[in-house]
C-alpha atoms as a PDB file:
ATOM      1  CA  UNK A   1     105.060  70.700 104.213  1.00  0.00           C
ATOM      2  CA  UNK A   2     105.193  70.431 100.302  1.00  0.00           C
ATOM      3  CA  UNK A   3     107.191  73.344  99.147  1.00  0.00           C
ATOM      4  CA  UNK A   4     108.961  73.915  96.632  1.00  0.00           C
ATOM      5  CA  UNK A   5     112.110  75.922  98.488  1.00  0.00           C
ATOM      6  CA  UNK A   6     112.631  78.315  95.475  1.00  0.00           C
ATOM      7  CA  UNK A   7     116.010  79.877  96.097  1.00  0.00           C
ATOM      8  CA  UNK A   8     117.027  84.297  95.019  1.00  0.00           C
ATOM      9  CA  UNK A   9     119.465  84.437  92.131  1.00  0.00           C
ATOM     10  CA  UNK A  10     122.527  85.526  93.292  1.00  0.00           C
ATOM     11  CA  UNK A  11     123.367  89.640  92.571  1.00  0.00           C
ATOM     12  CA  UNK A  12     125.684  90.326  89.381  1.00  0.00           C
ATOM     13  CA  UNK A  13     128.579  92.181  91.596  1.00  0.00           C
ATOM     14  CA  UNK A  14     131.157  90.414  92.799  1.00  0.00           C
ATOM     15  CA  UNK A  15     130.935  89.860  96.672  1.00  0.00           C
ATOM     16  CA  UNK A  16     134.674  89.977  98.054  1.00  0.00           C
ATOM     17  CA  UNK A  17     134.830  88.522 101.983  1.00  0.00           C
ATOM     18  CA  UNK A  18     138.091  90.479 102.654  1.00  0.00           C
ATOM     19  CA  UNK A  19     136.505  93.950 102.605  1.00  0.00           C
ATOM     20  CA  UNK A  20     134.158  95.179 105.808  1.00  0.00           C
ATOM     21  CA  UNK A  21     132.684  98.844 106.157  1.00  0.00           C
ATOM     22  CA  UNK A  22     133.643 100.274 109.593  1.00  0.00           C
ATOM     23  CA  UNK A  23     131.387  99.357 112.411  1.00  0.00           C
ATOM     24  CA  UNK A  24     130.775 103.781 113.647  1.00  0.00           C
ATOM     25  CA  UNK A  25     129.280 102.831 118.134  1.00  0.00           C
ATOM     26  CA  UNK A  26     129.485 106.092 118.369  1.00  0.00           C
ATOM     27  CA  UNK A  27     126.676 108.287 119.449  1.00  0.00           C
ATOM     28  CA  UNK A  28     123.828 108.344 117.381  1.00  0.00           C
ATOM     29  CA  UNK A  29     120.224 110.186 116.776  1.00  0.00           C
ATOM     30  CA  UNK A  30     118.540 107.851 119.438  1.00  0.00           C
ATOM     31  CA  UNK A  31     121.682 108.662 122.171  1.00  0.00           C
ATOM     32  CA  UNK A  32     121.002 112.760 121.619  1.00  0.00           C
ATOM     33  CA  UNK A  33     117.204 112.209 121.436  1.00  0.00           C
ATOM     34  CA  UNK A  34     117.165 110.486 124.242  1.00  0.00           C
ATOM     35  CA  UNK A  35     119.318 113.512 126.000  1.00  0.00           C
ATOM     36  CA  UNK A  36     117.427 116.236 124.743  1.00  0.00           C
ATOM     37  CA  UNK A  37     113.630 114.757 126.266  1.00  0.00           C
ATOM     38  CA  UNK A  38     112.264 116.751 123.759  1.00  0.00           C
ATOM     39  CA  UNK A  39     107.840 117.065 124.295  1.00  0.00           C
ATOM     40  CA  UNK A  40     107.240 115.248 121.960  1.00  0.00           C
ATOM     41  CA  UNK A  41     109.638 112.406 123.074  1.00  0.00           C
ATOM     42  CA  UNK A  42     108.378 112.567 126.210  1.00  0.00           C
ATOM     43  CA  UNK A  43     104.644 111.504 125.077  1.00  0.00           C
ATOM     44  CA  UNK A  44     106.224 109.323 123.151  1.00  0.00           C
ATOM     45  CA  UNK A  45     107.911 106.953 125.764  1.00  0.00           C
ATOM     46  CA  UNK A  46     104.534 106.630 127.611  1.00  0.00           C
ATOM     47  CA  UNK A  47     102.608 106.442 125.383  1.00  0.00           C
ATOM     48  CA  UNK A  48     104.786 103.029 124.271  1.00  0.00           C
ATOM     49  CA  UNK A  49     105.703 102.495 127.812  1.00  0.00           C
ATOM     50  CA  UNK A  50     102.076 102.361 129.235  1.00  0.00           C
ATOM     51  CA  UNK A  51     100.901  99.613 125.349  1.00  0.00           C
ATOM     52  CA  UNK A  52      99.863  96.312 126.961  1.00  0.00           C
ATOM     53  CA  UNK A  53     101.364  94.514 124.382  1.00  0.00           C
ATOM     54  CA  UNK A  54     105.176  95.210 124.666  1.00  0.00           C
ATOM     55  CA  UNK A  55     105.374  93.887 127.425  1.00  0.00           C
ATOM     56  CA  UNK A  56     107.784  96.386 128.519  1.00  0.00           C
ATOM     57  CA  UNK A  57     110.346  96.041 130.386  1.00  0.00           C
ATOM     58  CA  UNK A  58     112.998  98.402 132.023  1.00  0.00           C
ATOM     59  CA  UNK A  59     116.395  96.471 130.076  1.00  0.00           C
ATOM     60  CA  UNK A  60     114.263  96.837 126.297  1.00  0.00           C
ATOM     61  CA  UNK A  61     113.153 100.217 126.850  1.00  0.00           C
ATOM     62  CA  UNK A  62     115.961 102.872 128.451  1.00  0.00           C
ATOM     63  CA  UNK A  63     115.571 106.335 126.826  1.00  0.00           C
ATOM     64  CA  UNK A  64     117.834 105.312 124.164  1.00  0.00           C
ATOM     65  CA  UNK A  65     115.749 102.228 122.767  1.00  0.00           C
ATOM     66  CA  UNK A  66     112.359 104.190 122.935  1.00  0.00           C
ATOM     67  CA  UNK A  67     114.589 107.433 120.757  1.00  0.00           C
ATOM     68  CA  UNK A  68     116.147 104.925 118.791  1.00  0.00           C
ATOM     69  CA  UNK A  69     112.282 103.680 117.883  1.00  0.00           C
ATOM     70  CA  UNK A  70     111.191 107.088 118.730  1.00  0.00           C
ATOM     71  CA  UNK A  71     113.888 108.359 115.813  1.00  0.00           C
ATOM     72  CA  UNK A  72     112.754 105.137 112.874  1.00  0.00           C
ATOM     73  CA  UNK A  73     108.685 106.433 113.811  1.00  0.00           C
ATOM     74  CA  UNK A  74     110.575 110.378 112.086  1.00  0.00           C
ATOM     75  CA  UNK A  75     112.383 108.820 109.394  1.00  0.00           C
ATOM     76  CA  UNK A  76     109.298 107.088 108.450  1.00  0.00           C
ATOM     77  CA  UNK A  77     110.299 103.954 109.215  1.00  0.00           C
ATOM     78  CA  UNK A  78     107.466 102.563 111.001  1.00  0.00           C
ATOM     79  CA  UNK A  79     104.251 103.747 111.581  1.00  0.00           C
ATOM     80  CA  UNK A  80     103.077 101.384 114.561  1.00  0.00           C
ATOM     81  CA  UNK A  81     103.573  98.870 116.526  1.00  0.00           C
ATOM     82  CA  UNK A  82     102.421  95.363 116.998  1.00  0.00           C
ATOM     83  CA  UNK A  83     102.846  92.282 119.342  1.00  0.00           C
ATOM     84  CA  UNK A  84     106.097  90.028 120.377  1.00  0.00           C
ATOM     85  CA  UNK A  85     106.998  88.108 117.716  1.00  0.00           C
ATOM     86  CA  UNK A  86     109.906  86.616 119.915  1.00  0.00           C
ATOM     87  CA  UNK A  87     112.009  86.850 123.198  1.00  0.00           C
ATOM     88  CA  UNK A  88     114.627  86.449 123.485  1.00  0.00           C
ATOM     89  CA  UNK A  89     117.536  86.571 126.163  1.00  0.00           C
ATOM     90  CA  UNK A  90     119.708  89.352 123.435  1.00  0.00           C
ATOM     91  CA  UNK A  91     116.431  90.556 121.796  1.00  0.00           C
ATOM     92  CA  UNK A  92     112.996  90.451 121.116  1.00  0.00           C
ATOM     93  CA  UNK A  93     111.639  91.134 118.057  1.00  0.00           C
ATOM     94  CA  UNK A  94     107.827  92.609 117.921  1.00  0.00           C
ATOM     95  CA  UNK A  95     105.472  93.051 114.581  1.00  0.00           C
ATOM     96  CA  UNK A  96     105.161  96.872 112.766  1.00  0.00           C
ATOM     97  CA  UNK A  97     102.704  98.464 111.034  1.00  0.00           C
ATOM     98  CA  UNK A  98     105.291 100.291 107.637  1.00  0.00           C
ATOM     99  CA  UNK A  99     104.542 102.838 104.399  1.00  0.00           C
ATOM    100  CA  UNK A 100     104.085  99.577 102.586  1.00  0.00           C
ATOM    101  CA  UNK A 101     103.204  96.946 105.333  1.00  0.00           C
ATOM    102  CA  UNK A 102     104.173  95.083 107.652  1.00  0.00           C
ATOM    103  CA  UNK A 103     107.738  94.419 109.191  1.00  0.00           C
ATOM    104  CA  UNK A 104     109.701  92.978 111.728  1.00  0.00           C
ATOM    105  CA  UNK A 105     111.273  95.606 114.652  1.00  0.00           C
ATOM    106  CA  UNK A 106     114.366  93.782 116.429  1.00  0.00           C
ATOM    107  CA  UNK A 107     116.069  94.836 119.882  1.00  0.00           C
ATOM    108  CA  UNK A 108     118.597  94.225 121.106  1.00  0.00           C
ATOM    109  CA  UNK A 109     118.894  94.207 124.410  1.00  0.00           C
ATOM    110  CA  UNK A 110     121.614  96.488 126.258  1.00  0.00           C
ATOM    111  CA  UNK A 111     121.933  95.064 128.927  1.00  0.00           C
ATOM    112  CA  UNK A 112     122.198  90.899 127.714  1.00  0.00           C
ATOM    113  CA  UNK A 113     121.875  88.528 129.806  1.00  0.00           C
ATOM    114  CA  UNK A 114     124.458  86.229 127.165  1.00  0.00           C
ATOM    115  CA  UNK A 115     126.795  89.666 126.434  1.00  0.00           C
ATOM    116  CA  UNK A 116     129.511  86.991 127.589  1.00  0.00           C
ATOM    117  CA  UNK A 117     128.577  84.848 124.609  1.00  0.00           C
ATOM    118  CA  UNK A 118     129.008  87.407 122.013  1.00  0.00           C
ATOM    119  CA  UNK A 119     132.417  87.882 122.904  1.00  0.00           C
ATOM    120  CA  UNK A 120     132.969  84.005 120.862  1.00  0.00           C
ATOM    121  CA  UNK A 121     132.324  86.256 117.852  1.00  0.00           C
ATOM    122  CA  UNK A 122     133.288  89.555 118.482  1.00  0.00           C
ATOM    123  CA  UNK A 123     136.683  88.802 119.206  1.00  0.00           C
ATOM    124  CA  UNK A 124     138.509  88.528 115.811  1.00  0.00           C
ATOM    125  CA  UNK A 125     136.839  90.770 113.569  1.00  0.00           C
ATOM    126  CA  UNK A 126     138.460  93.433 112.815  1.00  0.00           C
ATOM    127  CA  UNK A 127     135.438  95.522 112.669  1.00  0.00           C
ATOM    128  CA  UNK A 128     134.973  95.496 116.735  1.00  0.00           C
ATOM    129  CA  UNK A 129     138.466  95.878 117.325  1.00  0.00           C
ATOM    130  CA  UNK A 130     139.042  98.525 119.843  1.00  0.00           C
ATOM    131  CA  UNK A 131     135.560  98.576 121.136  1.00  0.00           C
ATOM    132  CA  UNK A 132     136.410  97.091 123.965  1.00  0.00           C
ATOM    133  CA  UNK A 133     134.091  95.648 127.014  1.00  0.00           C
ATOM    134  CA  UNK A 134     131.522  98.560 126.375  1.00  0.00           C
ATOM    135  CA  UNK A 135     128.223  96.956 126.195  1.00  0.00           C
ATOM    136  CA  UNK A 136     126.430 100.133 124.740  1.00  0.00           C
ATOM    137  CA  UNK A 137     129.267  99.278 122.294  1.00  0.00           C
ATOM    138  CA  UNK A 138     129.179  96.239 121.699  1.00  0.00           C
ATOM    139  CA  UNK A 139     125.580  95.797 121.359  1.00  0.00           C
ATOM    140  CA  UNK A 140     125.191  99.089 119.178  1.00  0.00           C
ATOM    141  CA  UNK A 141     128.457  97.423 116.976  1.00  0.00           C
ATOM    142  CA  UNK A 142     126.204  94.118 116.833  1.00  0.00           C
ATOM    143  CA  UNK A 143     123.014  95.814 115.669  1.00  0.00           C
ATOM    144  CA  UNK A 144     125.129  96.897 112.900  1.00  0.00           C
ATOM    145  CA  UNK A 145     127.257  93.836 111.906  1.00  0.00           C
ATOM    146  CA  UNK A 146     123.596  91.944 111.665  1.00  0.00           C
ATOM    147  CA  UNK A 147     122.323  94.687 108.944  1.00  0.00           C
ATOM    148  CA  UNK A 148     125.046  94.419 106.964  1.00  0.00           C
ATOM    149  CA  UNK A 149     125.562  90.695 107.112  1.00  0.00           C
ATOM    150  CA  UNK A 150     121.770  90.517 105.953  1.00  0.00           C
ATOM    151  CA  UNK A 151     122.743  92.524 103.500  1.00  0.00           C
ATOM    152  CA  UNK A 152     125.476  90.351 102.165  1.00  0.00           C
ATOM    153  CA  UNK A 153     123.743  87.087 102.132  1.00  0.00           C
ATOM    154  CA  UNK A 154     120.638  88.716  99.864  1.00  0.00           C
ATOM    155  CA  UNK A 155     123.363  89.769  97.582  1.00  0.00           C
ATOM    156  CA  UNK A 156     124.656  85.957  97.797  1.00  0.00           C
ATOM    157  CA  UNK A 157     121.420  84.937  96.683  1.00  0.00           C
ATOM    158  CA  UNK A 158     120.224  83.196  99.586  1.00  0.00           C
ATOM    159  CA  UNK A 159     117.178  84.036 101.510  1.00  0.00           C
ATOM    160  CA  UNK A 160     117.022  86.042 104.609  1.00  0.00           C
ATOM    161  CA  UNK A 161     115.085  89.208 106.051  1.00  0.00           C
ATOM    162  CA  UNK A 162     115.494  91.948 103.691  1.00  0.00           C
ATOM    163  CA  UNK A 163     116.758  94.668 106.019  1.00  0.00           C
ATOM    164  CA  UNK A 164     115.602  98.331 105.787  1.00  0.00           C
ATOM    165  CA  UNK A 165     116.672 100.433 108.642  1.00  0.00           C
ATOM    166  CA  UNK A 166     118.589 100.386 111.458  1.00  0.00           C
ATOM    167  CA  UNK A 167     119.128 102.789 114.334  1.00  0.00           C
ATOM    168  CA  UNK A 168     120.863 102.347 117.535  1.00  0.00           C
ATOM    169  CA  UNK A 169     119.934  98.711 119.530  1.00  0.00           C
ATOM    170  CA  UNK A 170     116.843  98.612 116.936  1.00  0.00           C
ATOM    171  CA  UNK A 171     116.439  96.619 113.604  1.00  0.00           C
ATOM    172  CA  UNK A 172     114.052  96.890 111.116  1.00  0.00           C
ATOM    173  CA  UNK A 173     113.137  94.734 108.950  1.00  0.00           C
ATOM    174  CA  UNK A 174     111.809  92.388 106.176  1.00  0.00           C
ATOM    175  CA  UNK A 175     108.288  90.617 108.476  1.00  0.00           C
ATOM    176  CA  UNK A 176     108.412  86.824 107.948  1.00  0.00           C
ATOM    177  CA  UNK A 177     105.020  85.554 108.559  1.00  0.00           C
ATOM    178  CA  UNK A 178     100.874  86.053 107.265  1.00  0.00           C
ATOM    179  CA  UNK A 179      98.012  87.885 109.063  1.00  0.00           C
ATOM    180  CA  UNK A 180      98.695  87.066 113.328  1.00  0.00           C
ATOM    181  CA  UNK A 181     101.482  84.778 112.487  1.00  0.00           C
ATOM    182  CA  UNK A 182     105.453  84.421 111.832  1.00  0.00           C
ATOM    183  CA  UNK A 183     107.102  82.025 109.830  1.00  0.00           C
ATOM    184  CA  UNK A 184     107.309  78.415 110.986  1.00  0.00           C
ATOM    185  CA  UNK A 185     110.180  77.460 111.938  1.00  0.00           C
ATOM    186  CA  UNK A 186     111.950  73.935 110.555  1.00  0.00           C
ATOM    187  CA  UNK A 187     111.472  72.299 113.735  1.00  0.00           C
ATOM    188  CA  UNK A 188     108.017  72.675 113.919  1.00  0.00           C
ATOM    189  CA  UNK A 189     107.155  71.312 110.472  1.00  0.00           C
ATOM    190  CA  UNK A 190     106.893  68.094 108.665  1.00  0.00           C
ATOM    191  CA  UNK A 191     109.434  68.041 106.199  1.00  0.00           C
ATOM    192  CA  UNK A 192     107.887  65.803 103.345  1.00  0.00           C
ATOM    193  CA  UNK A 193     111.091  66.469 100.995  1.00  0.00           C
ATOM    194  CA  UNK A 194     113.510  66.703 103.541  1.00  0.00           C
ATOM    195  CA  UNK A 195     115.980  65.774 100.790  1.00  0.00           C
ATOM    196  CA  UNK A 196     114.683  68.885  98.933  1.00  0.00           C
ATOM    197  CA  UNK A 197     114.971  70.925 102.032  1.00  0.00           C
ATOM    198  CA  UNK A 198     119.246  70.085 102.705  1.00  0.00           C
ATOM    199  CA  UNK A 199     119.961  70.670  99.101  1.00  0.00           C
ATOM    200  CA  UNK A 200     118.600  74.224  99.103  1.00  0.00           C
ATOM    201  CA  UNK A 201     120.153  74.814 102.983  1.00  0.00           C
ATOM    202  CA  UNK A 202     123.103  73.450 101.526  1.00  0.00           C
ATOM    203  CA  UNK A 203     123.296  76.235  99.219  1.00  0.00           C
ATOM    204  CA  UNK A 204     122.592  78.702 101.168  1.00  0.00           C
ATOM    205  CA  UNK A 205     125.969  77.836 103.254  1.00  0.00           C
ATOM    206  CA  UNK A 206     127.892  77.500 100.311  1.00  0.00           C
ATOM    207  CA  UNK A 207     126.668  80.633  99.011  1.00  0.00           C
ATOM    208  CA  UNK A 208     127.587  82.039 102.745  1.00  0.00           C
ATOM    209  CA  UNK A 209     130.474  80.722 102.350  1.00  0.00           C
ATOM    210  CA  UNK A 210     131.455  82.016  98.805  1.00  0.00           C
ATOM    211  CA  UNK A 211     130.980  85.451 100.079  1.00  0.00           C
ATOM    212  CA  UNK A 212     132.646  85.139 103.230  1.00  0.00           C
ATOM    213  CA  UNK A 213     130.525  84.766 105.419  1.00  0.00           C
ATOM    214  CA  UNK A 214     129.375  81.270 108.033  1.00  0.00           C
ATOM    215  CA  UNK A 215     126.535  81.533 109.953  1.00  0.00           C
ATOM    216  CA  UNK A 216     128.025  80.471 112.602  1.00  0.00           C
ATOM    217  CA  UNK A 217     124.970  79.049 114.555  1.00  0.00           C
ATOM    218  CA  UNK A 218     122.565  77.223 112.523  1.00  0.00           C
ATOM    219  CA  UNK A 219     119.975  74.852 113.161  1.00  0.00           C
ATOM    220  CA  UNK A 220     117.032  73.414 112.379  1.00  0.00           C
ATOM    221  CA  UNK A 221     115.130  76.586 115.352  1.00  0.00           C
ATOM    222  CA  UNK A 222     116.673  79.660 112.579  1.00  0.00           C
ATOM    223  CA  UNK A 223     115.274  78.939 109.410  1.00  0.00           C
ATOM    224  CA  UNK A 224     111.793  79.571 108.151  1.00  0.00           C
ATOM    225  CA  UNK A 225     109.371  78.012 105.804  1.00  0.00           C
ATOM    226  CA  UNK A 226     108.111  81.460 103.767  1.00  0.00           C
ATOM    227  CA  UNK A 227     105.455  81.382 100.902  1.00  0.00           C
ATOM    228  CA  UNK A 228     107.142  78.437  99.903  1.00  0.00           C
ATOM    229  CA  UNK A 229     110.587  79.587 100.466  1.00  0.00           C
ATOM    230  CA  UNK A 230     113.261  78.639 103.110  1.00  0.00           C
ATOM    231  CA  UNK A 231     114.919  81.624 104.787  1.00  0.00           C
ATOM    232  CA  UNK A 232     117.531  81.564 107.429  1.00  0.00           C
ATOM    233  CA  UNK A 233     116.975  83.371 110.634  1.00  0.00           C
ATOM    234  CA  UNK A 234     119.323  85.430 113.146  1.00  0.00           C
ATOM    235  CA  UNK A 235     122.674  86.271 111.522  1.00  0.00           C
ATOM    236  CA  UNK A 236     123.864  88.548 114.034  1.00  0.00           C
ATOM    237  CA  UNK A 237     126.654  86.230 114.789  1.00  0.00           C
ATOM    238  CA  UNK A 238     127.541  86.164 111.336  1.00  0.00           C
ATOM    239  CA  UNK A 239     131.606  85.587 110.871  1.00  0.00           C
ATOM    240  CA  UNK A 240     133.946  85.763 108.352  1.00  0.00           C
ATOM    241  CA  UNK A 241     136.002  83.083 106.660  1.00  0.00           C
ATOM    242  CA  UNK A 242     138.840  84.800 108.741  1.00  0.00           C
ATOM    243  CA  UNK A 243     137.932  85.076 112.335  1.00  0.00           C
ATOM    244  CA  UNK A 244     139.591  82.206 113.756  1.00  0.00           C
ATOM    245  CA  UNK A 245     137.197  80.028 115.120  1.00  0.00           C
ATOM    246  CA  UNK A 246     135.133  80.262 111.364  1.00  0.00           C
ATOM    247  CA  UNK A 247     135.947  77.028 111.112  1.00  0.00           C
ATOM    248  CA  UNK A 248     135.008  75.645 114.468  1.00  0.00           C
ATOM    249  CA  UNK A 249     131.413  77.644 113.799  1.00  0.00           C
ATOM    250  CA  UNK A 250     130.938  76.151 109.936  1.00  0.00           C
ATOM    251  CA  UNK A 251     131.503  72.374 111.281  1.00  0.00           C
ATOM    252  CA  UNK A 252     129.468  73.280 114.147  1.00  0.00           C
ATOM    253  CA  UNK A 253     126.873  74.091 112.243  1.00  0.00           C
ATOM    254  CA  UNK A 254     127.291  71.706 109.534  1.00  0.00           C
ATOM    255  CA  UNK A 255     127.118  68.882 112.578  1.00  0.00           C
ATOM    256  CA  UNK A 256     123.484  70.797 113.378  1.00  0.00           C
ATOM    257  CA  UNK A 257     122.170  70.277 109.935  1.00  0.00           C
ATOM    258  CA  UNK A 258     123.089  67.190 109.013  1.00  0.00           C
ATOM    259  CA  UNK A 259     121.848  66.599 112.496  1.00  0.00           C
ATOM    260  CA  UNK A 260     118.607  67.677 111.432  1.00  0.00           C
ATOM    261  CA  UNK A 261     118.430  65.746 108.107  1.00  0.00           C
ATOM    262  CA  UNK A 262     119.086  63.043 109.315  1.00  0.00           C
ATOM    263  CA  UNK A 263     116.206  62.790 111.855  1.00  0.00           C
ATOM    264  CA  UNK A 264     114.377  63.430 108.681  1.00  0.00           C
ATOM    265  CA  UNK A 265     115.204  60.538 107.476  1.00  0.00           C
ATOM    266  CA  UNK A 266     117.836  61.661 104.990  1.00  0.00           C
ATOM    267  CA  UNK A 267     121.860  59.849 104.471  1.00  0.00           C
ATOM    268  CA  UNK A 268     123.894  62.623 105.156  1.00  0.00           C
ATOM    269  CA  UNK A 269     126.926  63.542 107.099  1.00  0.00           C
ATOM    270  CA  UNK A 270     128.687  66.566 108.484  1.00  0.00           C
ATOM    271  CA  UNK A 271     131.983  66.189 106.316  1.00  0.00           C
ATOM    272  CA  UNK A 272     129.776  65.771 103.646  1.00  0.00           C
ATOM    273  CA  UNK A 273     127.939  69.077 104.013  1.00  0.00           C
ATOM    274  CA  UNK A 274     131.386  70.986 104.753  1.00  0.00           C
ATOM    275  CA  UNK A 275     133.639  69.540 101.540  1.00  0.00           C
ATOM    276  CA  UNK A 276     129.852  70.486  99.299  1.00  0.00           C
ATOM    277  CA  UNK A 277     129.861  73.878 101.484  1.00  0.00           C
ATOM    278  CA  UNK A 278     133.440  74.863 101.031  1.00  0.00           C
ATOM    279  CA  UNK A 279     134.664  73.462  97.552  1.00  0.00           C
ATOM    280  CA  UNK A 280     135.019  75.917  94.843  1.00  0.00           C
ATOM    281  CA  UNK A 281     132.049  76.378  92.746  1.00  0.00           C
ATOM    282  CA  UNK A 282     132.596  73.922  89.540  1.00  0.00           C
ATOM    283  CA  UNK A 283     134.121  75.638  86.045  1.00  0.00           C
ATOM    284  CA  UNK A 284     130.604  76.298  84.174  1.00  0.00           C
ATOM    285  CA  UNK A 285     133.082  75.697  81.263  1.00  0.00           C
ATOM    286  CA  UNK A 286     132.497  71.554  82.572  1.00  0.00           C
ATOM    287  CA  UNK A 287     135.726  70.889  81.518  1.00  0.00           C
ATOM    288  CA  UNK A 288     137.595  71.685  84.830  1.00  0.00           C
ATOM    289  CA  UNK A 289     140.427  73.355  83.168  1.00  0.00           C
ATOM    290  CA  UNK A 290     141.370  76.987  84.605  1.00  0.00           C
ATOM    291  CA  UNK A 291     143.392  78.816  81.495  1.00  0.00           C
ATOM    292  CA  UNK A 292     140.702  76.834  79.074  1.00  0.00           C
END
């Protein structure tokens, strides 16, 4: 793999990790559509459930989830559905055709088998106070959290899938990949220039931290190569720097990243990466004197 690993330019707007919008977990249009069960929705549900490519399971496509997909179609975000990109314990990701090209559709399972593990990331996050253990509310909030985290990462100049739309437990975002093939993970490619790749990942981690975010589950399995760029995936579990477990999550990210690039032949260590991620940006004046 011989890539340039280009990076985005951070947005000009100030980013304050202390300020976070409230997450509304009240019933959505998808819930109302599912309850109403109008004729058009019933036909849509039948068509989707009969689609071989979707390999529909009740735990993934309950009526409210189908209502969310139906609403996204009505709103013009999706024209037609494709096949699965990936399946996991918490979510399945599918391709779909949209007015401007192909998109990825991530469907979080309401009855996620790893639901309890979500609590590690949710507890201590002020956006989730009062949600309790209601599975539907937790998963809807988690989906909205990923949408917000993706927007914040993009604004900080971190290459992630661009979020497009959200409805209940369904997230529509940019599809990273080519025709009939998703982008390859770092774990799946031969990294010919590990020093350059490591530098990009380190900078992305630093930018996330400066924007008040820590990925929380970063490894070679959710970093992909797309059009010569490294891109980070799966920001649903990302937490703010003020989360009570944020330091533990960041240290784990640093360990995973350093270990992977160490196996690629690049000499680095987790402590050095942690210091680079958390240290303030260099003084642009170059003299290090904040008073000028």
